[in-house]
Amino acid sequence: MSVTKERKQELIGEYGRGNTDSGSPEVQISILTARIAEMTGHMQVHNKDYSSRRGLLRMVSRRRRLLDYVKRKNPQLYLDLLRRLDIRK
């Protein structure tokens, strides 16, 4: 139920500052968004899986903190990320 290596490399290539950049906030946000999408699908099927729900909420909170950081440091990049990842504010 995790993001595959290939998908992660795609996200790093698309959002990273270089091919080996896996630590920048943009890459972390994009990977978390992919994980959240997969977990949301899981939760729609298994709606009583409370442990996974806790993990999903934790990922959403972590993504929110990263987005707040990007918004403070570079507001234009923040708006671009919201648009590219189709995240509602």
PDB file of N, CA and C in Angstrom:
ATOM      1  N   MET A   1       0.816  -1.179   0.000  1.00  0.00           N
ATOM      2  CA  MET A   1       0.000   0.000   0.000  1.00  0.00           C
ATOM      3  C   MET A   1       0.874   1.262   0.000  1.00  0.00           C
ATOM      4  N   SER A   2       2.117   1.107  -0.333  1.00  0.00           N
ATOM      5  CA  SER A   2       2.984   2.275  -0.381  1.00  0.00           C
ATOM      6  C   SER A   2       3.247   2.662  -1.822  1.00  0.00           C
ATOM      7  N   VAL A   3       3.892   3.787  -1.989  1.00  0.00           N
ATOM      8  CA  VAL A   3       4.246   4.255  -3.316  1.00  0.00           C
ATOM      9  C   VAL A   3       5.439   3.430  -3.806  1.00  0.00           C
ATOM     10  N   THR A   4       5.369   2.944  -5.039  1.00  0.00           N
ATOM     11  CA  THR A   4       6.440   2.100  -5.572  1.00  0.00           C
ATOM     12  C   THR A   4       7.694   2.930  -5.839  1.00  0.00           C
ATOM     13  N   LYS A   5       8.811   2.237  -5.968  1.00  0.00           N
ATOM     14  CA  LYS A   5      10.083   2.909  -6.247  1.00  0.00           C
ATOM     15  C   LYS A   5      10.008   3.705  -7.542  1.00  0.00           C
ATOM     16  N   GLU A   6       9.383   3.108  -8.551  1.00  0.00           N
ATOM     17  CA  GLU A   6       9.295   3.762  -9.850  1.00  0.00           C
ATOM     18  C   GLU A   6       8.471   5.039  -9.761  1.00  0.00           C
ATOM     19  N   ARG A   7       7.343   4.970  -9.057  1.00  0.00           N
ATOM     20  CA  ARG A   7       6.479   6.146  -8.895  1.00  0.00           C
ATOM     21  C   ARG A   7       7.204   7.234  -8.098  1.00  0.00           C
ATOM     22  N   LYS A   8       7.945   6.821  -7.084  1.00  0.00           N
ATOM     23  CA  LYS A   8       8.696   7.777  -6.277  1.00  0.00           C
ATOM     24  C   LYS A   8       9.766   8.471  -7.115  1.00  0.00           C
ATOM     25  N   GLN A   9      10.447   7.713  -7.976  1.00  0.00           N
ATOM     26  CA  GLN A   9      11.453   8.309  -8.860  1.00  0.00           C
ATOM     27  C   GLN A   9      10.807   9.281  -9.850  1.00  0.00           C
ATOM     28  N   GLU A  10       9.610   8.952 -10.343  1.00  0.00           N
ATOM     29  CA  GLU A  10       8.876   9.875 -11.215  1.00  0.00           C
ATOM     30  C   GLU A  10       8.598  11.187 -10.497  1.00  0.00           C
ATOM     31  N   LEU A  11       8.122  11.079  -9.264  1.00  0.00           N
ATOM     32  CA  LEU A  11       7.792  12.277  -8.492  1.00  0.00           C
ATOM     33  C   LEU A  11       9.039  13.107  -8.209  1.00  0.00           C
ATOM     34  N   ILE A  12      10.155  12.440  -7.900  1.00  0.00           N
ATOM     35  CA  ILE A  12      11.409  13.158  -7.653  1.00  0.00           C
ATOM     36  C   ILE A  12      11.858  13.871  -8.923  1.00  0.00           C
ATOM     37  N   GLY A  13      11.747  13.197 -10.056  1.00  0.00           N
ATOM     38  CA  GLY A  13      12.126  13.813 -11.317  1.00  0.00           C
ATOM     39  C   GLY A  13      11.241  14.992 -11.689  1.00  0.00           C
ATOM     40  N   GLU A  14       9.959  14.887 -11.363  1.00  0.00           N
ATOM     41  CA  GLU A  14       9.011  15.928 -11.739  1.00  0.00           C
ATOM     42  C   GLU A  14       9.070  17.133 -10.809  1.00  0.00           C
ATOM     43  N   TYR A  15       9.189  16.897  -9.509  1.00  0.00           N
ATOM     44  CA  TYR A  15       9.099  17.988  -8.538  1.00  0.00           C
ATOM     45  C   TYR A  15      10.434  18.361  -7.907  1.00  0.00           C
ATOM     46  N   GLY A  16      11.439  17.512  -8.061  1.00  0.00           N
ATOM     47  CA  GLY A  16      12.717  17.765  -7.408  1.00  0.00           C
ATOM     48  C   GLY A  16      13.544  18.819  -8.105  1.00  0.00           C
ATOM     49  N   ARG A  17      14.534  19.298  -7.408  1.00  0.00           N
ATOM     50  CA  ARG A  17      15.436  20.311  -7.959  1.00  0.00           C
ATOM     51  C   ARG A  17      16.530  19.651  -8.794  1.00  0.00           C
ATOM     52  N   GLY A  18      16.697  18.353  -8.619  1.00  0.00           N
ATOM     53  CA  GLY A  18      17.650  17.553  -9.383  1.00  0.00           C
ATOM     54  C   GLY A  18      17.159  16.120  -9.417  1.00  0.00           C
ATOM     55  N   ASN A  19      17.887  15.242 -10.068  1.00  0.00           N
ATOM     56  CA  ASN A  19      17.448  13.849 -10.163  1.00  0.00           C
ATOM     57  C   ASN A  19      17.598  13.072  -8.866  1.00  0.00           C
ATOM     58  N   THR A  20      18.479  13.539  -7.981  1.00  0.00           N
ATOM     59  CA  THR A  20      18.683  12.828  -6.722  1.00  0.00           C
ATOM     60  C   THR A  20      18.112  13.577  -5.532  1.00  0.00           C
ATOM     61  N   ASP A  21      17.339  14.622  -5.785  1.00  0.00           N
ATOM     62  CA  ASP A  21      16.778  15.442  -4.712  1.00  0.00           C
ATOM     63  C   ASP A  21      15.537  14.762  -4.149  1.00  0.00           C
ATOM     64  N   SER A  22      15.659  14.221  -2.951  1.00  0.00           N
ATOM     65  CA  SER A  22      14.499  13.579  -2.336  1.00  0.00           C
ATOM     66  C   SER A  22      14.108  14.265  -1.037  1.00  0.00           C
ATOM     67  N   GLY A  23      14.818  15.312  -0.643  1.00  0.00           N
ATOM     68  CA  GLY A  23      14.551  15.931   0.643  1.00  0.00           C
ATOM     69  C   GLY A  23      13.900  17.290   0.577  1.00  0.00           C
ATOM     70  N   SER A  24      13.787  17.868  -0.602  1.00  0.00           N
ATOM     71  CA  SER A  24      13.190  19.196  -0.681  1.00  0.00           C
ATOM     72  C   SER A  24      11.705  19.105  -0.330  1.00  0.00           C
ATOM     73  N   PRO A  25      11.149  20.179   0.202  1.00  0.00           N
ATOM     74  CA  PRO A  25       9.737  20.152   0.609  1.00  0.00           C
ATOM     75  C   PRO A  25       8.793  19.814  -0.544  1.00  0.00           C
ATOM     76  N   GLU A  26       9.122  20.256  -1.754  1.00  0.00           N
ATOM     77  CA  GLU A  26       8.238  19.983  -2.891  1.00  0.00           C
ATOM     78  C   GLU A  26       8.128  18.480  -3.147  1.00  0.00           C
ATOM     79  N   VAL A  27       9.260  17.786  -3.072  1.00  0.00           N
ATOM     80  CA  VAL A  27       9.267  16.337  -3.307  1.00  0.00           C
ATOM     81  C   VAL A  27       8.539  15.630  -2.167  1.00  0.00           C
ATOM     82  N   GLN A  28       8.805  16.034  -0.936  1.00  0.00           N
ATOM     83  CA  GLN A  28       8.143  15.407   0.201  1.00  0.00           C
ATOM     84  C   GLN A  28       6.632  15.578   0.114  1.00  0.00           C
ATOM     85  N   ILE A  29       6.179  16.769  -0.287  1.00  0.00           N
ATOM     86  CA  ILE A  29       4.748  17.028  -0.409  1.00  0.00           C
ATOM     87  C   ILE A  29       4.148  16.171  -1.516  1.00  0.00           C
ATOM     88  N   SER A  30       4.852  16.040  -2.638  1.00  0.00           N
ATOM     89  CA  SER A  30       4.309  15.253  -3.744  1.00  0.00           C
ATOM     90  C   SER A  30       4.218  13.770  -3.373  1.00  0.00           C
ATOM     91  N   ILE A  31       5.213  13.252  -2.679  1.00  0.00           N
ATOM     92  CA  ILE A  31       5.179  11.845  -2.265  1.00  0.00           C
ATOM     93  C   ILE A  31       4.073  11.616  -1.237  1.00  0.00           C
ATOM     94  N   LEU A  32       3.942  12.539  -0.292  1.00  0.00           N
ATOM     95  CA  LEU A  32       2.862  12.419   0.690  1.00  0.00           C
ATOM     96  C   LEU A  32       1.494  12.476   0.015  1.00  0.00           C
ATOM     97  N   THR A  33       1.351  13.317  -1.005  1.00  0.00           N
ATOM     98  CA  THR A  33       0.082  13.415  -1.710  1.00  0.00           C
ATOM     99  C   THR A  33      -0.263  12.096  -2.393  1.00  0.00           C
ATOM    100  N   ALA A  34       0.732  11.440  -2.981  1.00  0.00           N
ATOM    101  CA  ALA A  34       0.499  10.137  -3.610  1.00  0.00           C
ATOM    102  C   ALA A  34       0.103   9.098  -2.559  1.00  0.00           C
ATOM    103  N   ARG A  35       0.783   9.110  -1.423  1.00  0.00           N
ATOM    104  CA  ARG A  35       0.456   8.160  -0.346  1.00  0.00           C
ATOM    105  C   ARG A  35      -0.941   8.410   0.208  1.00  0.00           C
ATOM    106  N   ILE A  36      -1.300   9.687   0.351  1.00  0.00           N
ATOM    107  CA  ILE A  36      -2.627  10.051   0.865  1.00  0.00           C
ATOM    108  C   ILE A  36      -3.707   9.577  -0.103  1.00  0.00           C
ATOM    109  N   ALA A  37      -3.457   9.711  -1.399  1.00  0.00           N
ATOM    110  CA  ALA A  37      -4.438   9.268  -2.388  1.00  0.00           C
ATOM    111  C   ALA A  37      -4.660   7.760  -2.296  1.00  0.00           C
ATOM    112  N   GLU A  38      -3.576   6.997  -2.150  1.00  0.00           N
ATOM    113  CA  GLU A  38      -3.707   5.540  -2.016  1.00  0.00           C
ATOM    114  C   GLU A  38      -4.436   5.168  -0.726  1.00  0.00           C
ATOM    115  N   MET A  39      -4.095   5.840   0.357  1.00  0.00           N
ATOM    116  CA  MET A  39      -4.714   5.538   1.642  1.00  0.00           C
ATOM    117  C   MET A  39      -6.198   5.912   1.645  1.00  0.00           C
ATOM    118  N   THR A  40      -6.544   6.963   0.935  1.00  0.00           N
ATOM    119  CA  THR A  40      -7.942   7.366   0.851  1.00  0.00           C
ATOM    120  C   THR A  40      -8.764   6.285   0.155  1.00  0.00           C
ATOM    121  N   GLY A  41      -8.206   5.712  -0.911  1.00  0.00           N
ATOM    122  CA  GLY A  41      -8.883   4.601  -1.579  1.00  0.00           C
ATOM    123  C   GLY A  41      -9.055   3.408  -0.656  1.00  0.00           C
ATOM    124  N   HIS A  42      -8.032   3.117   0.130  1.00  0.00           N
ATOM    125  CA  HIS A  42      -8.111   2.020   1.091  1.00  0.00           C
ATOM    126  C   HIS A  42      -9.206   2.287   2.123  1.00  0.00           C
ATOM    127  N   MET A  43      -9.284   3.522   2.586  1.00  0.00           N
ATOM    128  CA  MET A  43     -10.259   3.856   3.625  1.00  0.00           C
ATOM    129  C   MET A  43     -11.694   3.810   3.102  1.00  0.00           C
ATOM    130  N   GLN A  44     -11.890   4.052   1.817  1.00  0.00           N
ATOM    131  CA  GLN A  44     -13.234   3.961   1.252  1.00  0.00           C
ATOM    132  C   GLN A  44     -13.724   2.518   1.236  1.00  0.00           C
ATOM    133  N   VAL A  45     -12.804   1.579   1.088  1.00  0.00           N
ATOM    134  CA  VAL A  45     -13.182   0.165   1.094  1.00  0.00           C
ATOM    135  C   VAL A  45     -13.276  -0.359   2.524  1.00  0.00           C
ATOM    136  N   HIS A  46     -12.313   0.011   3.349  1.00  0.00           N
ATOM    137  CA  HIS A  46     -12.239  -0.484   4.734  1.00  0.00           C
ATOM    138  C   HIS A  46     -12.490   0.675   5.697  1.00  0.00           C
ATOM    139  N   ASN A  47     -13.744   1.063   5.819  1.00  0.00           N
ATOM    140  CA  ASN A  47     -14.037   2.276   6.587  1.00  0.00           C
ATOM    141  C   ASN A  47     -13.907   2.107   8.098  1.00  0.00           C
ATOM    142  N   LYS A  48     -13.758   0.904   8.595  1.00  0.00           N
ATOM    143  CA  LYS A  48     -13.589   0.708  10.043  1.00  0.00           C
ATOM    144  C   LYS A  48     -12.148   0.431  10.439  1.00  0.00           C
ATOM    145  N   ASP A  49     -11.229   0.652   9.530  1.00  0.00           N
ATOM    146  CA  ASP A  49      -9.808   0.437   9.801  1.00  0.00           C
ATOM    147  C   ASP A  49      -9.256   1.688  10.493  1.00  0.00           C
ATOM    148  N   TYR A  50      -9.395   1.723  11.794  1.00  0.00           N
ATOM    149  CA  TYR A  50      -9.067   2.934  12.543  1.00  0.00           C
ATOM    150  C   TYR A  50      -7.565   3.178  12.635  1.00  0.00           C
ATOM    151  N   SER A  51      -6.764   2.143  12.596  1.00  0.00           N
ATOM    152  CA  SER A  51      -5.318   2.329  12.620  1.00  0.00           C
ATOM    153  C   SER A  51      -4.839   3.021  11.347  1.00  0.00           C
ATOM    154  N   SER A  52      -5.387   2.611  10.230  1.00  0.00           N
ATOM    155  CA  SER A  52      -5.020   3.262   8.972  1.00  0.00           C
ATOM    156  C   SER A  52      -5.549   4.692   8.922  1.00  0.00           C
ATOM    157  N   ARG A  53      -6.697   4.913   9.523  1.00  0.00           N
ATOM    158  CA  ARG A  53      -7.259   6.266   9.574  1.00  0.00           C
ATOM    159  C   ARG A  53      -6.326   7.195  10.344  1.00  0.00           C
ATOM    160  N   ARG A  54      -5.779   6.692  11.428  1.00  0.00           N
ATOM    161  CA  ARG A  54      -4.834   7.489  12.216  1.00  0.00           C
ATOM    162  C   ARG A  54      -3.599   7.823  11.395  1.00  0.00           C
ATOM    163  N   GLY A  55      -3.096   6.841  10.648  1.00  0.00           N
ATOM    164  CA  GLY A  55      -1.948   7.077   9.785  1.00  0.00           C
ATOM    165  C   GLY A  55      -2.256   8.084   8.692  1.00  0.00           C
ATOM    166  N   LEU A  56      -3.456   8.004   8.129  1.00  0.00           N
ATOM    167  CA  LEU A  56      -3.871   8.950   7.096  1.00  0.00           C
ATOM    168  C   LEU A  56      -3.924  10.366   7.650  1.00  0.00           C
ATOM    169  N   LEU A  57      -4.513  10.526   8.813  1.00  0.00           N
ATOM    170  CA  LEU A  57      -4.592  11.854   9.429  1.00  0.00           C
ATOM    171  C   LEU A  57      -3.200  12.400   9.742  1.00  0.00           C
ATOM    172  N   ARG A  58      -2.308  11.513  10.137  1.00  0.00           N
ATOM    173  CA  ARG A  58      -0.942  11.931  10.429  1.00  0.00           C
ATOM    174  C   ARG A  58      -0.224  12.409   9.160  1.00  0.00           C
ATOM    175  N   MET A  59      -0.442  11.696   8.041  1.00  0.00           N
ATOM    176  CA  MET A  59       0.164  12.109   6.783  1.00  0.00           C
ATOM    177  C   MET A  59      -0.400  13.451   6.312  1.00  0.00           C
ATOM    178  N   VAL A  60      -1.700  13.636   6.468  1.00  0.00           N
ATOM    179  CA  VAL A  60      -2.325  14.898   6.063  1.00  0.00           C
ATOM    180  C   VAL A  60      -1.767  16.051   6.898  1.00  0.00           C
ATOM    181  N   SER A  61      -1.588  15.822   8.191  1.00  0.00           N
ATOM    182  CA  SER A  61      -1.037  16.864   9.067  1.00  0.00           C
ATOM    183  C   SER A  61       0.404  17.193   8.688  1.00  0.00           C
ATOM    184  N   ARG A  62       1.165  16.170   8.378  1.00  0.00           N
ATOM    185  CA  ARG A  62       2.562  16.397   7.990  1.00  0.00           C
ATOM    186  C   ARG A  62       2.643  17.176   6.685  1.00  0.00           C
ATOM    187  N   ARG A  63       1.783  16.829   5.723  1.00  0.00           N
ATOM    188  CA  ARG A  63       1.756  17.568   4.454  1.00  0.00           C
ATOM    189  C   ARG A  63       1.345  19.018   4.688  1.00  0.00           C
ATOM    190  N   ARG A  64       0.390  19.239   5.589  1.00  0.00           N
ATOM    191  CA  ARG A  64      -0.058  20.600   5.893  1.00  0.00           C
ATOM    192  C   ARG A  64       1.088  21.429   6.482  1.00  0.00           C
ATOM    193  N   ARG A  65       1.868  20.837   7.391  1.00  0.00           N
ATOM    194  CA  ARG A  65       3.008  21.544   7.976  1.00  0.00           C
ATOM    195  C   ARG A  65       4.042  21.895   6.911  1.00  0.00           C
ATOM    196  N   LEU A  66       4.311  20.956   6.003  1.00  0.00           N
ATOM    197  CA  LEU A  66       5.261  21.224   4.922  1.00  0.00           C
ATOM    198  C   LEU A  66       4.741  22.320   3.997  1.00  0.00           C
ATOM    199  N   LEU A  67       3.440  22.292   3.699  1.00  0.00           N
ATOM    200  CA  LEU A  67       2.861  23.330   2.845  1.00  0.00           C
ATOM    201  C   LEU A  67       2.926  24.697   3.517  1.00  0.00           C
ATOM    202  N   ASP A  68       2.701  24.734   4.826  1.00  0.00           N
ATOM    203  CA  ASP A  68       2.813  26.003   5.552  1.00  0.00           C
ATOM    204  C   ASP A  68       4.241  26.541   5.494  1.00  0.00           C
ATOM    205  N   TYR A  69       5.217  25.649   5.588  1.00  0.00           N
ATOM    206  CA  TYR A  69       6.615  26.051   5.495  1.00  0.00           C
ATOM    207  C   TYR A  69       6.911  26.641   4.119  1.00  0.00           C
ATOM    208  N   VAL A  70       6.460  25.960   3.071  1.00  0.00           N
ATOM    209  CA  VAL A  70       6.702  26.449   1.713  1.00  0.00           C
ATOM    210  C   VAL A  70       6.006  27.791   1.515  1.00  0.00           C
ATOM    211  N   LYS A  71       4.820  27.937   2.083  1.00  0.00           N
ATOM    212  CA  LYS A  71       4.075  29.201   1.951  1.00  0.00           C
ATOM    213  C   LYS A  71       4.839  30.353   2.600  1.00  0.00           C
ATOM    214  N   ARG A  72       5.477  30.085   3.735  1.00  0.00           N
ATOM    215  CA  ARG A  72       6.265  31.127   4.406  1.00  0.00           C
ATOM    216  C   ARG A  72       7.503  31.497   3.610  1.00  0.00           C
ATOM    217  N   LYS A  73       8.170  30.482   3.051  1.00  0.00           N
ATOM    218  CA  LYS A  73       9.445  30.713   2.371  1.00  0.00           C
ATOM    219  C   LYS A  73       9.279  31.208   0.941  1.00  0.00           C
ATOM    220  N   ASN A  74       8.288  30.670   0.216  1.00  0.00           N
ATOM    221  CA  ASN A  74       8.135  31.009  -1.193  1.00  0.00           C
ATOM    222  C   ASN A  74       6.650  30.902  -1.572  1.00  0.00           C
ATOM    223  N   PRO A  75       5.886  31.988  -1.414  1.00  0.00           N
ATOM    224  CA  PRO A  75       4.443  31.935  -1.671  1.00  0.00           C
ATOM    225  C   PRO A  75       4.078  31.520  -3.099  1.00  0.00           C
ATOM    226  N   GLN A  76       4.897  31.915  -4.067  1.00  0.00           N
ATOM    227  CA  GLN A  76       4.587  31.540  -5.453  1.00  0.00           C
ATOM    228  C   GLN A  76       4.738  30.037  -5.676  1.00  0.00           C
ATOM    229  N   LEU A  77       5.754  29.446  -5.092  1.00  0.00           N
ATOM    230  CA  LEU A  77       5.943  28.000  -5.186  1.00  0.00           C
ATOM    231  C   LEU A  77       4.781  27.269  -4.511  1.00  0.00           C
ATOM    232  N   TYR A  78       4.306  27.811  -3.405  1.00  0.00           N
ATOM    233  CA  TYR A  78       3.164  27.239  -2.688  1.00  0.00           C
ATOM    234  C   TYR A  78       1.942  27.173  -3.599  1.00  0.00           C
ATOM    235  N   LEU A  79       1.625  28.282  -4.243  1.00  0.00           N
ATOM    236  CA  LEU A  79       0.463  28.318  -5.138  1.00  0.00           C
ATOM    237  C   LEU A  79       0.647  27.369  -6.317  1.00  0.00           C
ATOM    238  N   ASP A  80       1.877  27.292  -6.829  1.00  0.00           N
ATOM    239  CA  ASP A  80       2.174  26.393  -7.933  1.00  0.00           C
ATOM    240  C   ASP A  80       1.984  24.933  -7.514  1.00  0.00           C
ATOM    241  N   LEU A  81       2.446  24.586  -6.308  1.00  0.00           N
ATOM    242  CA  LEU A  81       2.285  23.213  -5.812  1.00  0.00           C
ATOM    243  C   LEU A  81       0.812  22.852  -5.637  1.00  0.00           C
ATOM    244  N   LEU A  82       0.033  23.774  -5.089  1.00  0.00           N
ATOM    245  CA  LEU A  82      -1.392  23.503  -4.906  1.00  0.00           C
ATOM    246  C   LEU A  82      -2.058  23.223  -6.248  1.00  0.00           C
ATOM    247  N   ARG A  83      -1.692  24.014  -7.251  1.00  0.00           N
ATOM    248  CA  ARG A  83      -2.296  23.847  -8.575  1.00  0.00           C
ATOM    249  C   ARG A  83      -1.841  22.534  -9.220  1.00  0.00           C
ATOM    250  N   ARG A  84      -0.522  22.253  -9.179  1.00  0.00           N
ATOM    251  CA  ARG A  84       0.003  21.060  -9.843  1.00  0.00           C
ATOM    252  C   ARG A  84      -0.448  19.753  -9.177  1.00  0.00           C
ATOM    253  N   LEU A  85      -0.556  19.760  -7.853  1.00  0.00           N
ATOM    254  CA  LEU A  85      -0.937  18.546  -7.132  1.00  0.00           C
ATOM    255  C   LEU A  85      -2.444  18.444  -6.927  1.00  0.00           C
ATOM    256  N   ASP A  86      -3.173  19.472  -7.334  1.00  0.00           N
ATOM    257  CA  ASP A  86      -4.625  19.507  -7.198  1.00  0.00           C
ATOM    258  C   ASP A  86      -5.046  19.323  -5.731  1.00  0.00           C
ATOM    259  N   ILE A  87      -4.423  20.142  -4.872  1.00  0.00           N
ATOM    260  CA  ILE A  87      -4.732  20.139  -3.447  1.00  0.00           C
ATOM    261  C   ILE A  87      -5.601  21.347  -3.181  1.00  0.00           C
ATOM    262  N   ARG A  88      -6.716  21.131  -2.467  1.00  0.00           N
ATOM    263  CA  ARG A  88      -7.533  22.278  -2.133  1.00  0.00           C
ATOM    264  C   ARG A  88      -7.045  22.869  -0.829  1.00  0.00           C
ATOM    265  N   LYS A  89      -7.137  24.164  -0.751  1.00  0.00           N
ATOM    266  CA  LYS A  89      -6.579  24.850   0.410  1.00  0.00           C
ATOM    267  C   LYS A  89      -7.504  24.712   1.595  1.00  0.00           C
TER     268      LYS A  89
END
